[in-house]
Protein backbone atom coordinates (compact mmCIF):
# COMPACT_ATOMS: atom_id res chain seq x y z
CA MET A 1 -0.17 -0.34 -0.15
CA PRO A 2 1.61 3.59 -1.18
CA LEU A 3 1.82 6.35 1.52
CA GLY A 4 0.98 9.62 0.52
CA THR A 5 -1.22 13.17 2.21
CA ILE A 6 -4.73 14.07 1.15
CA ALA A 7 -3.93 17.60 -0.84
CA VAL A 8 -7.08 18.65 -0.90
CA TYR A 9 -10.68 16.91 -0.39
CA ASN A 10 -13.92 18.75 -1.74
CA ARG A 11 -17.15 18.30 0.49
CA ALA A 12 -19.68 19.26 -1.60
CA ASP A 13 -18.83 16.70 -4.13
CA GLY A 14 -17.65 14.47 -1.68
CA VAL A 15 -14.07 14.15 -3.80
CA GLY A 16 -10.62 14.43 -3.09
CA VAL A 17 -6.55 14.41 -4.49
CA ILE A 18 -3.95 12.17 -2.40
CA THR A 19 -0.10 13.22 -3.55
CA ASP A 20 1.87 9.80 -3.20
CA GLU A 21 5.45 9.95 -2.31
CA ASP A 22 6.13 10.09 -5.80
CA GLY A 23 4.25 13.37 -6.30
CA GLU A 24 1.75 11.81 -8.55
CA ARG A 25 -2.22 12.82 -8.11
CA ARG A 26 -4.66 10.40 -7.62
CA PRO A 27 -8.60 10.64 -7.02
CA PHE A 28 -10.24 9.55 -4.28
CA SER A 29 -13.80 9.10 -3.17
CA GLY A 30 -14.76 10.38 0.54
CA MET A 31 -16.69 7.04 0.34
CA GLU A 32 -13.84 4.93 0.59
CA THR A 33 -11.74 6.96 2.78
CA GLN A 34 -11.72 6.93 7.14
CA THR A 35 -10.73 10.53 6.70
CA THR A 36 -11.12 13.79 4.40
CA CYS A 37 -8.59 16.34 6.01
CA GLU A 38 -6.29 17.96 3.73
CA GLY A 39 -2.52 17.39 5.08
CA GLN A 40 -3.34 13.85 6.84
CA ARG A 41 -0.89 11.19 5.97
CA VAL A 42 -2.60 8.29 4.12
CA VAL A 43 -2.44 4.85 3.10
CA PHE A 44 -4.25 3.18 -0.09
CA ASP A 45 -4.71 1.00 -2.76
CA ILE A 46 -4.42 1.83 -6.53
CA VAL A 47 -7.15 0.31 -8.73
CA GLY A 48 -6.62 1.75 -12.09
CA HIS A 49 -5.45 5.25 -11.48
CA LYS A 50 -7.62 5.72 -8.79
CA ALA A 51 -7.00 5.63 -5.05
CA THR A 52 -9.51 3.67 -2.99
CA ASN A 53 -9.34 2.11 0.80
CA VAL A 54 -7.82 5.18 2.24
CA ILE A 55 -6.65 4.45 5.87
CA ALA A 56 -5.23 7.06 8.04
CA VAL A 57 -1.99 7.30 9.39
CA ARG A 58 -0.54 8.45 12.59
């Protein structure tokens, strides 16, 4: 599971962007995450180009 940071989250649309360690940006849905706090470190799975199963890292 790659490590990344939630770069931005749009509450109105329920979608956001995670920036991974390599600087690549991946979209994600707020329905598939434990947290939507911008700046939060997370681990996630990748399906296609999308991040899924997003889990907060302490």
